[in-house]
Protein backbone atom coordinates (compact mmCIF):
# COMPACT_ATOMS: atom_id res chain seq x y z
CA MET A 1 -8.67 -5.26 35.01
CA LYS A 2 -7.28 -2.51 37.24
CA ILE A 3 -9.46 0.62 37.49
CA ILE A 4 -8.02 3.90 38.77
CA ASN A 5 -9.67 7.29 39.14
CA SER A 6 -7.93 10.50 38.16
CA GLN A 7 -9.15 12.02 41.44
CA ASP A 8 -7.44 9.39 43.61
CA LYS A 9 -4.67 10.80 45.80
CA ASN A 10 -2.10 8.32 44.43
CA PHE A 11 -3.14 8.80 40.78
CA ALA A 12 0.00 10.73 39.80
CA LEU A 13 2.16 7.78 40.90
CA GLU A 14 -0.07 5.29 39.08
CA PHE A 15 0.01 7.40 35.92
CA ASP A 16 3.81 7.67 36.03
CA THR A 17 3.93 3.87 36.03
CA ILE A 18 1.81 3.84 32.86
CA LEU A 19 4.10 6.41 31.21
CA SER A 20 7.16 4.29 31.98
CA ARG A 21 5.63 1.30 30.13
CA ALA A 22 8.10 1.51 27.28
CA LYS A 23 11.31 1.39 29.26
CA SER A 24 13.22 -1.50 27.77
CA ASP A 25 16.53 -2.98 28.75
CA ILE A 26 18.48 -1.79 25.71
CA LYS A 27 21.43 -1.06 27.98
CA GLY A 28 21.33 -4.62 29.30
CA VAL A 29 21.66 -6.21 25.84
CA SER A 30 23.91 -3.57 24.26
CA GLN A 31 27.17 -5.43 24.86
CA ILE A 32 25.77 -8.67 23.42
CA VAL A 33 24.50 -6.83 20.34
CA GLN A 34 27.77 -4.92 19.89
CA THR A 35 29.68 -8.21 19.93
CA ILE A 36 27.34 -9.63 17.26
CA ILE A 37 27.79 -6.51 15.09
CA ASP A 38 31.59 -6.62 15.48
CA GLU A 39 31.66 -10.29 14.48
CA ILE A 40 29.60 -9.60 11.34
CA ILE A 41 31.86 -6.68 10.37
CA GLU A 42 34.99 -8.79 10.90
CA ASN A 43 33.92 -12.21 9.61
CA GLY A 44 30.89 -11.63 7.37
CA ASN A 45 29.20 -14.83 6.22
CA GLU A 46 31.17 -17.04 8.59
CA ALA A 47 29.80 -15.07 11.54
CA LEU A 48 26.30 -15.28 10.07
CA LYS A 49 26.56 -19.07 9.84
CA THR A 50 27.77 -19.31 13.43
CA HIS A 51 24.94 -17.10 14.69
CA ILE A 52 22.30 -19.03 12.73
CA GLN A 53 23.52 -22.32 14.18
CA LYS A 54 23.51 -20.82 17.69
CA PHE A 55 20.19 -18.97 17.61
CA ASP A 56 18.10 -20.65 14.88
CA LYS A 57 19.42 -24.18 15.46
CA TRP A 58 20.38 -25.25 11.95
CA GLU A 59 23.66 -25.62 10.09
CA VAL A 60 24.37 -23.51 7.02
CA LYS A 61 26.67 -25.61 4.86
CA SER A 62 27.14 -23.13 2.01
CA ASP A 63 26.60 -19.41 1.39
CA ASP A 64 23.93 -20.27 -1.19
CA GLU A 65 21.71 -21.68 1.57
CA LEU A 66 21.31 -18.19 3.06
CA LEU A 67 19.24 -17.03 0.08
CA ILE A 68 15.67 -18.07 -0.73
CA SER A 69 15.19 -18.28 -4.49
CA GLN A 70 12.70 -16.27 -6.53
CA GLU A 71 11.31 -19.60 -7.69
CA ASP A 72 10.52 -20.64 -4.10
CA MET A 73 8.76 -17.33 -3.50
CA LYS A 74 6.67 -17.76 -6.64
CA LYS A 75 5.85 -21.38 -5.75
CA ALA A 76 4.70 -20.33 -2.27
CA TYR A 77 2.46 -17.65 -3.81
CA GLU A 78 0.91 -20.15 -6.23
CA ASN A 79 0.33 -22.76 -3.52
CA ILE A 80 -1.51 -20.68 -0.93
CA ASP A 81 -5.27 -20.96 -0.50
CA GLU A 82 -7.18 -19.04 -3.16
CA ASN A 83 -9.21 -17.01 -0.63
CA LEU A 84 -6.08 -16.15 1.32
CA ARG A 85 -4.36 -15.04 -1.88
CA ALA A 86 -7.34 -12.82 -2.68
CA SER A 87 -7.15 -11.29 0.81
CA LEU A 88 -3.44 -10.61 0.34
CA HIS A 89 -4.21 -8.84 -2.94
CA THR A 90 -6.96 -6.76 -1.32
CA ALA A 91 -4.59 -5.66 1.45
CA HIS A 92 -1.77 -5.03 -1.05
CA ASP A 93 -3.92 -2.85 -3.30
CA ARG A 94 -5.34 -0.78 -0.44
CA ILE A 95 -1.92 -0.24 1.17
CA LYS A 96 -0.43 0.71 -2.21
CA ALA A 97 -3.23 3.20 -2.99
CA TYR A 98 -2.85 4.88 0.41
CA HIS A 99 0.93 5.21 0.17
CA GLU A 100 0.80 6.56 -3.38
CA LYS A 101 -0.98 9.60 -1.93
CA GLN A 102 2.08 10.25 0.28
CA LEU A 103 4.58 10.67 -2.55
CA PRO A 104 6.47 13.97 -2.18
CA LYS A 105 7.19 15.98 -5.29
CA SER A 106 10.32 17.58 -6.69
CA TRP A 107 9.86 21.30 -7.36
CA LEU A 108 11.56 24.41 -8.72
CA ASP A 109 10.88 28.06 -7.84
CA PHE A 110 11.96 30.92 -10.14
CA GLU A 111 12.72 34.38 -8.71
CA ASP A 112 12.67 37.61 -10.72
CA ASN A 113 16.45 38.08 -10.49
CA GLY A 114 17.16 34.74 -12.12
CA THR A 115 17.60 32.70 -8.94
CA ILE A 116 16.30 29.13 -9.19
CA LEU A 117 15.69 27.22 -5.96
CA GLY A 118 14.13 23.84 -5.59
CA GLN A 119 14.05 20.35 -4.21
CA LYS A 120 14.82 17.03 -5.89
CA VAL A 121 13.27 13.93 -4.35
CA THR A 122 14.87 10.55 -5.11
CA PRO A 123 14.48 7.05 -3.66
CA VAL A 124 17.32 5.25 -1.92
CA ASP A 125 19.03 2.56 -4.01
CA ARG A 126 18.57 -0.35 -1.61
CA ALA A 127 16.17 -0.96 1.26
CA GLY A 128 16.56 -3.71 3.84
CA LEU A 129 13.43 -4.98 5.57
CA TYR A 130 13.59 -6.95 8.80
CA ILE A 131 10.55 -9.22 9.15
CA PRO A 132 10.08 -11.58 12.13
CA GLY A 133 10.01 -15.19 10.92
CA GLY A 134 9.44 -18.80 11.81
CA LYS A 135 6.02 -19.84 13.09
CA ALA A 136 5.37 -16.28 14.31
CA ALA A 137 5.92 -14.75 10.87
CA TYR A 138 3.89 -11.69 9.98
CA PRO A 139 3.14 -11.39 6.24
CA SER A 140 1.22 -8.19 7.06
CA SER A 141 4.48 -6.60 8.25
CA LEU A 142 6.09 -7.53 4.95
CA LEU A 143 3.31 -5.78 3.03
CA MET A 144 3.53 -2.70 5.25
CA ASN A 145 7.30 -2.38 4.76
CA ALA A 146 7.74 -3.49 1.15
CA ILE A 147 4.87 -1.57 -0.43
CA PRO A 148 5.96 1.97 0.60
CA ALA A 149 9.50 1.11 -0.53
CA LYS A 150 8.14 -0.02 -3.89
CA VAL A 151 5.91 3.08 -4.21
CA ALA A 152 8.94 5.27 -3.39
CA GLY A 153 10.74 3.74 -6.37
CA VAL A 154 13.38 1.69 -4.56
CA LYS A 155 14.97 -0.61 -7.14
CA GLU A 156 16.30 -3.29 -4.80
CA ILE A 157 14.31 -4.44 -1.76
CA VAL A 158 15.85 -7.19 0.36
CA VAL A 159 14.33 -9.03 3.30
CA CYS A 160 16.00 -10.71 6.24
CA THR A 161 13.88 -13.09 8.28
CA PRO A 162 14.86 -15.73 10.85
CA THR A 163 14.07 -19.37 10.03
CA PRO A 164 14.22 -21.40 13.28
CA ASN A 165 15.17 -25.00 12.47
CA ASN A 166 15.39 -23.89 8.82
CA GLU A 167 11.59 -23.67 8.63
CA VAL A 168 10.40 -21.03 6.16
CA ASN A 169 6.98 -19.42 6.46
CA GLU A 170 5.27 -19.98 3.11
CA LEU A 171 2.78 -17.14 3.51
CA LEU A 172 5.63 -14.70 4.11
CA LEU A 173 7.30 -15.91 0.91
CA ALA A 174 4.02 -15.52 -0.97
CA ALA A 175 3.78 -11.90 0.24
CA CYS A 176 7.40 -11.32 -0.85
CA HIS A 177 6.55 -12.53 -4.36
CA LEU A 178 3.44 -10.33 -4.52
CA CYS A 179 5.45 -7.26 -3.48
CA GLY A 180 8.32 -7.88 -5.89
CA VAL A 181 10.98 -8.32 -3.22
CA SER A 182 14.43 -8.76 -4.80
CA LYS A 183 16.02 -11.16 -2.31
CA VAL A 184 15.08 -12.95 0.91
CA TYR A 185 17.79 -14.11 3.29
CA LYS A 186 17.36 -16.69 6.08
CA VAL A 187 19.01 -14.48 8.67
CA GLY A 188 17.48 -13.04 11.84
CA GLY A 189 18.11 -10.99 14.94
CA ALA A 190 20.90 -8.47 15.45
CA SER A 191 22.99 -10.44 12.93
CA ALA A 192 20.57 -9.56 10.13
CA VAL A 193 20.58 -5.87 11.03
CA ALA A 194 24.38 -5.81 11.10
CA ALA A 195 24.62 -7.71 7.80
CA MET A 196 22.28 -5.26 6.06
CA ALA A 197 24.05 -2.24 7.59
CA TYR A 198 27.64 -3.25 6.83
CA GLY A 199 27.33 -5.94 4.17
CA THR A 200 28.81 -9.44 3.97
CA GLN A 201 30.08 -11.61 1.12
CA THR A 202 26.45 -12.50 0.32
CA ILE A 203 24.34 -9.64 1.66
CA LYS A 204 25.01 -6.28 0.08
CA LYS A 205 24.95 -3.15 2.26
CA VAL A 206 21.63 -1.27 2.18
CA ASP A 207 20.78 2.41 2.64
CA VAL A 208 17.84 2.11 5.03
CA ILE A 209 16.60 -0.61 7.40
CA THR A 210 12.97 -0.82 8.47
CA GLY A 211 10.76 -3.33 10.22
CA PRO A 212 9.81 -4.64 13.67
CA GLY A 213 11.76 -6.97 15.94
CA ASN A 214 12.61 -7.92 19.50
CA ILE A 215 14.87 -6.05 21.93
CA PHE A 216 18.01 -7.35 20.16
CA VAL A 217 16.79 -6.17 16.75
CA ALA A 218 15.72 -2.78 18.17
CA THR A 219 19.10 -2.33 19.88
CA ALA A 220 20.99 -3.29 16.73
CA LYS A 221 18.98 -0.79 14.68
CA LYS A 222 19.81 1.92 17.19
CA MET A 223 23.51 1.03 17.04
CA VAL A 224 23.79 1.01 13.23
CA PHE A 225 21.86 4.27 12.79
CA GLY A 226 24.21 6.67 11.02
CA GLU A 227 25.82 3.89 9.01
CA VAL A 228 22.36 3.48 7.47
CA ASN A 229 19.04 5.19 8.08
CA ILE A 230 16.34 3.42 10.11
CA ASP A 231 12.60 3.90 10.49
CA MET A 232 12.27 4.01 14.30
CA ILE A 233 13.07 2.14 17.53
CA ALA A 234 9.77 0.36 18.14
CA GLY A 235 8.89 -1.35 21.39
CA PRO A 236 6.01 -3.61 22.48
CA SER A 237 2.58 -3.03 20.97
CA GLU A 238 0.06 -0.77 22.70
CA ILE A 239 -3.45 0.60 22.46
CA GLY A 240 -5.20 3.55 24.04
CA ILE A 241 -8.98 3.92 23.92
CA LEU A 242 -10.93 7.11 24.62
CA ALA A 243 -14.56 6.33 25.41
CA ASP A 244 -17.70 7.92 26.79
CA SER A 245 -20.95 6.38 28.05
CA SER A 246 -22.04 5.53 24.47
CA ALA A 247 -19.25 2.96 23.99
CA ASN A 248 -19.96 -0.77 23.77
CA ALA A 249 -18.07 -2.41 26.65
CA ARG A 250 -17.69 -5.73 24.79
CA TYR A 251 -16.15 -3.96 21.78
CA VAL A 252 -13.80 -2.06 24.07
CA ALA A 253 -12.75 -5.24 25.89
CA PHE A 254 -11.94 -7.13 22.69
CA ASP A 255 -9.97 -4.16 21.36
CA LEU A 256 -7.91 -3.92 24.54
CA LEU A 257 -7.16 -7.64 24.30
CA SER A 258 -6.25 -7.37 20.61
CA GLN A 259 -2.99 -5.78 21.75
CA ALA A 260 -2.57 -7.68 25.02
CA GLU A 261 -2.42 -11.00 23.12
CA HIS A 262 0.63 -9.79 21.17
CA ASP A 263 3.10 -9.81 24.02
CA GLU A 264 3.35 -9.89 27.81
CA MET A 265 4.96 -6.44 27.51
CA ALA A 266 2.06 -4.97 25.47
CA SER A 267 0.11 -2.10 26.97
CA SER A 268 -3.70 -1.64 26.87
CA ILE A 269 -5.19 1.52 28.38
CA LEU A 270 -8.82 2.69 28.45
CA ILE A 271 -9.57 6.26 29.53
CA THR A 272 -13.25 6.94 29.99
CA THR A 273 -15.51 9.54 31.53
CA CYS A 274 -18.01 6.83 32.51
CA GLU A 275 -17.56 4.80 35.71
CA GLU A 276 -20.19 2.28 34.57
CA LEU A 277 -18.34 1.62 31.30
CA ALA A 278 -15.11 1.12 33.28
CA GLN A 279 -16.76 -1.57 35.43
CA LYS A 280 -18.46 -3.29 32.49
CA THR A 281 -15.25 -3.32 30.43
CA SER A 282 -13.25 -4.80 33.30
CA PHE A 283 -15.84 -7.58 33.64
CA GLU A 284 -15.88 -8.26 29.87
CA VAL A 285 -12.09 -8.48 29.72
CA GLU A 286 -12.04 -11.15 32.44
CA GLU A 287 -14.84 -13.11 30.73
CA ILE A 288 -13.20 -13.04 27.30
CA LEU A 289 -9.82 -14.02 28.75
CA LYS A 290 -11.23 -17.34 29.96
CA SER A 291 -11.52 -18.71 26.43
CA LEU A 292 -8.79 -16.76 24.62
CA SER A 293 -6.25 -19.01 22.87
CA ARG A 294 -3.37 -16.77 23.96
CA LYS A 295 -4.82 -16.35 27.44
CA ASP A 296 -1.56 -16.59 29.39
CA ILE A 297 0.16 -13.89 27.33
CA ALA A 298 -2.86 -11.57 27.34
CA GLN A 299 -3.52 -12.07 31.05
CA LYS A 300 0.02 -11.11 32.01
CA SER A 301 -0.10 -8.05 29.74
CA ILE A 302 -3.42 -6.92 31.25
CA ASP A 303 -2.26 -7.58 34.83
CA ASP A 304 1.14 -5.88 34.47
CA ARG A 305 0.56 -3.13 31.91
CA GLY A 306 -3.17 -2.72 31.47
CA ALA A 307 -5.33 -0.07 33.16
CA ILE A 308 -8.70 1.63 33.02
CA ILE A 309 -8.64 5.31 34.00
CA VAL A 310 -11.82 7.13 34.94
CA ALA A 311 -11.38 10.83 34.08
CA LYS A 312 -13.52 13.67 35.45
CA ASN A 313 -14.35 14.91 31.92
CA MET A 314 -13.33 14.47 28.28
CA GLU A 315 -10.93 17.41 28.41
CA GLU A 316 -8.92 15.65 31.13
CA ALA A 317 -9.20 12.33 29.27
CA LEU A 318 -7.68 13.91 26.16
CA GLU A 319 -4.91 15.53 28.19
CA LEU A 320 -3.97 12.19 29.76
CA MET A 321 -4.10 10.34 26.43
CA ASN A 322 -1.93 12.96 24.73
CA GLU A 323 0.62 12.44 27.50
CA ILE A 324 0.56 8.67 26.90
CA ALA A 325 0.86 9.23 23.11
CA PRO A 326 -0.18 5.66 22.25
CA GLU A 327 0.82 3.65 19.21
CA HIS A 328 -2.86 2.97 18.41
CA LEU A 329 -5.63 5.28 19.61
CA GLU A 330 -9.29 4.34 19.29
CA VAL A 331 -11.96 7.00 19.84
CA MET A 332 -15.24 5.37 20.84
CA THR A 333 -17.46 8.33 21.64
CA GLN A 334 -20.80 9.60 20.39
CA ASN A 335 -19.13 12.09 18.00
CA PRO A 336 -15.52 10.89 17.55
CA PHE A 337 -14.60 13.39 14.82
CA GLU A 338 -15.31 16.24 17.24
CA LEU A 339 -12.32 15.10 19.33
CA LEU A 340 -9.90 14.80 16.41
CA PRO A 341 -8.63 18.42 16.59
CA TYR A 342 -7.65 17.88 20.24
CA ILE A 343 -5.66 14.68 19.66
CA LYS A 344 -2.01 15.72 19.37
CA HIS A 345 -0.01 12.53 19.81
CA ALA A 346 -0.87 9.08 18.44
CA GLY A 347 0.65 6.74 15.88
CA ALA A 348 -2.70 5.91 14.26
CA ILE A 349 -6.17 7.19 15.16
CA PHE A 350 -9.22 4.95 14.78
CA LEU A 351 -12.51 6.85 14.82
CA GLY A 352 -15.84 5.23 15.70
CA GLU A 353 -17.00 1.91 17.10
CA ASN A 354 -16.79 0.14 13.72
CA THR A 355 -13.07 0.84 13.35
CA PRO A 356 -11.23 -1.69 15.55
CA GLU A 357 -7.44 -1.55 15.60
CA PRO A 358 -6.97 -4.84 13.64
CA ILE A 359 -8.57 -3.13 10.62
CA GLY A 360 -5.46 -0.93 10.59
CA ASP A 361 -3.15 -3.89 11.05
CA TYR A 362 -4.26 -5.65 7.90
CA ILE A 363 -6.62 -4.05 5.44
CA ALA A 364 -7.38 -0.34 5.85
CA GLY A 365 -4.32 0.97 3.98
CA PRO A 366 -2.32 3.22 6.36
CA ASN A 367 0.90 1.71 7.65
CA HIS A 368 0.82 -0.41 10.79
CA THR A 369 4.51 0.17 11.60
CA LEU A 370 3.96 2.84 14.24
CA PRO A 371 5.85 4.71 16.98
CA THR A 372 5.49 3.21 20.47
CA GLY A 373 6.31 4.19 24.03
CA SER A 374 5.24 7.85 23.70
CA THR A 375 7.52 8.38 20.69
CA ALA A 376 4.41 9.38 18.71
CA LYS A 377 5.21 12.80 20.18
CA PHE A 378 8.00 13.10 17.61
CA TYR A 379 7.88 10.08 15.27
CA SER A 380 5.49 9.32 12.41
CA PRO A 381 4.25 5.99 11.02
CA LEU A 382 6.46 4.26 8.47
CA ASN A 383 5.78 5.94 5.14
CA VAL A 384 7.05 6.47 1.60
CA GLU A 385 9.46 9.21 2.72
CA ASN A 386 11.38 6.71 4.88
CA PHE A 387 12.64 5.30 1.57
CA MET A 388 13.42 8.64 -0.07
CA LYS A 389 15.73 11.58 0.44
CA LYS A 390 15.69 15.19 -0.67
CA SER A 391 18.40 17.24 -2.38
CA SER A 392 18.34 21.04 -2.43
CA ILE A 393 18.65 22.72 -5.84
CA ILE A 394 20.33 26.16 -6.09
CA SER A 395 21.17 28.18 -9.20
CA PHE A 396 22.13 31.90 -9.11
CA SER A 397 22.25 34.20 -12.13
CA LYS A 398 24.82 37.00 -12.48
CA LYS A 399 22.16 39.48 -11.37
CA ALA A 400 21.27 37.35 -8.34
CA ILE A 401 24.82 37.08 -7.03
CA GLU A 402 25.32 40.82 -7.56
CA GLU A 403 22.24 41.48 -5.42
CA LEU A 404 22.95 38.97 -2.64
CA GLY A 405 26.67 38.25 -2.82
CA GLU A 406 27.96 41.00 -0.51
CA SER A 407 25.46 40.04 2.22
CA CYS A 408 26.68 36.47 1.94
CA ALA A 409 30.35 37.56 2.10
CA LEU A 410 29.71 39.71 5.19
CA LEU A 411 28.17 36.76 7.00
CA ALA A 412 31.23 34.67 6.07
CA ASP A 413 33.49 37.46 7.40
CA THR A 414 31.77 37.36 10.79
CA GLU A 415 32.50 33.64 11.04
CA GLY A 416 36.17 34.17 10.13
CA LEU A 417 35.96 32.12 6.96
CA GLU A 418 38.08 34.14 4.54
CA ALA A 419 37.97 31.78 1.57
CA HIS A 420 34.18 31.56 1.86
CA ALA A 421 33.92 35.35 1.57
CA LYS A 422 36.46 35.61 -1.25
CA SER A 423 34.81 32.85 -3.31
CA VAL A 424 31.78 35.14 -3.45
CA ARG A 425 33.55 38.50 -3.81
CA VAL A 426 35.72 37.28 -6.70
CA ARG A 427 32.47 36.97 -8.66
CA LEU A 428 31.53 40.55 -7.77
CA GLU A 429 34.70 42.08 -9.22
CA LYS A 430 34.09 44.39 -12.17
């Protein structure tokens, strides 16, 4: 695994390469995605059927075939291994408990002059979840997207998931049943995003679309934003690890590879103050790779987008990691909580050597749908508020408008909005 030192003369160039890790060819696929969206808008279900035959390689003979029945979801739940079902329930309950703590509250504030100001928080009516499907289905992603929507109070939660060769992932269906998903459609890619955003004869338009996907899904979400709300534009998975001399090199190596095995485009970065740890970790990564089942994917990710940076001190290490703003950040130092106040940008922060990133993926409770590609500088993890919206509440008494009305009217005057000013002043007439 490549090791670079922050004191090297070409370090700035090397670091810029790391920062550009998230550049994806959205522009290159935009025209394809726009065509798919236009076809869905114009032809609805017929376009969906054509796209499914083209991309998922099976023929949809009737509109009814697009929908997976509640009975099939229940049957899948009942048929899964008992231990696996118990694990799903453990994850479900922990994720639900965590997200319940996020619920925002409606409130009212009463001023002495009779003014009442406040905020009303309400869930959206319909949420659309995009979940990758087929053999690479991720039931954990279903839990992470459906549970906060359910906690928010969304009445209708629909899922779109691709089914290559019309093969449905039973564990995904079991998770849908557990989460109380309303409907599951066998539709994937940009077509699914467009269908949820604009509606078809079978799929009703939603208010918000969340969930991970490939470059076509990400591009489609970006294009339909404004017609519906979205969670974020997420790119390939990534991990950053801050470590000192106390870190276990074998733990660090496995954690770096836990993201590298996702995707050739995944990014795994270790920043350490210890040269010896850097060397040991590099060796461990190469040893583990030899027997890893997804060796080819992980090897390419490590070769192309992995790096170990040796920093002169922890202050510099923190500065570099904040600039990277990783999706997942592990802190493997002697006193990890001491560094927490200095971490500004990260999707999720894992503190201590017994908190590997996969714990966050499946069972801890916080959401694993996280900002990537440095967008943790301004985006947050998927949460309950993605499925809610706020309305302002305003009520003025006669006394209140008498006290504040003329100031309001003067401001309207300065903007040349005569009717604005007069709608206030008419209420001030004796």
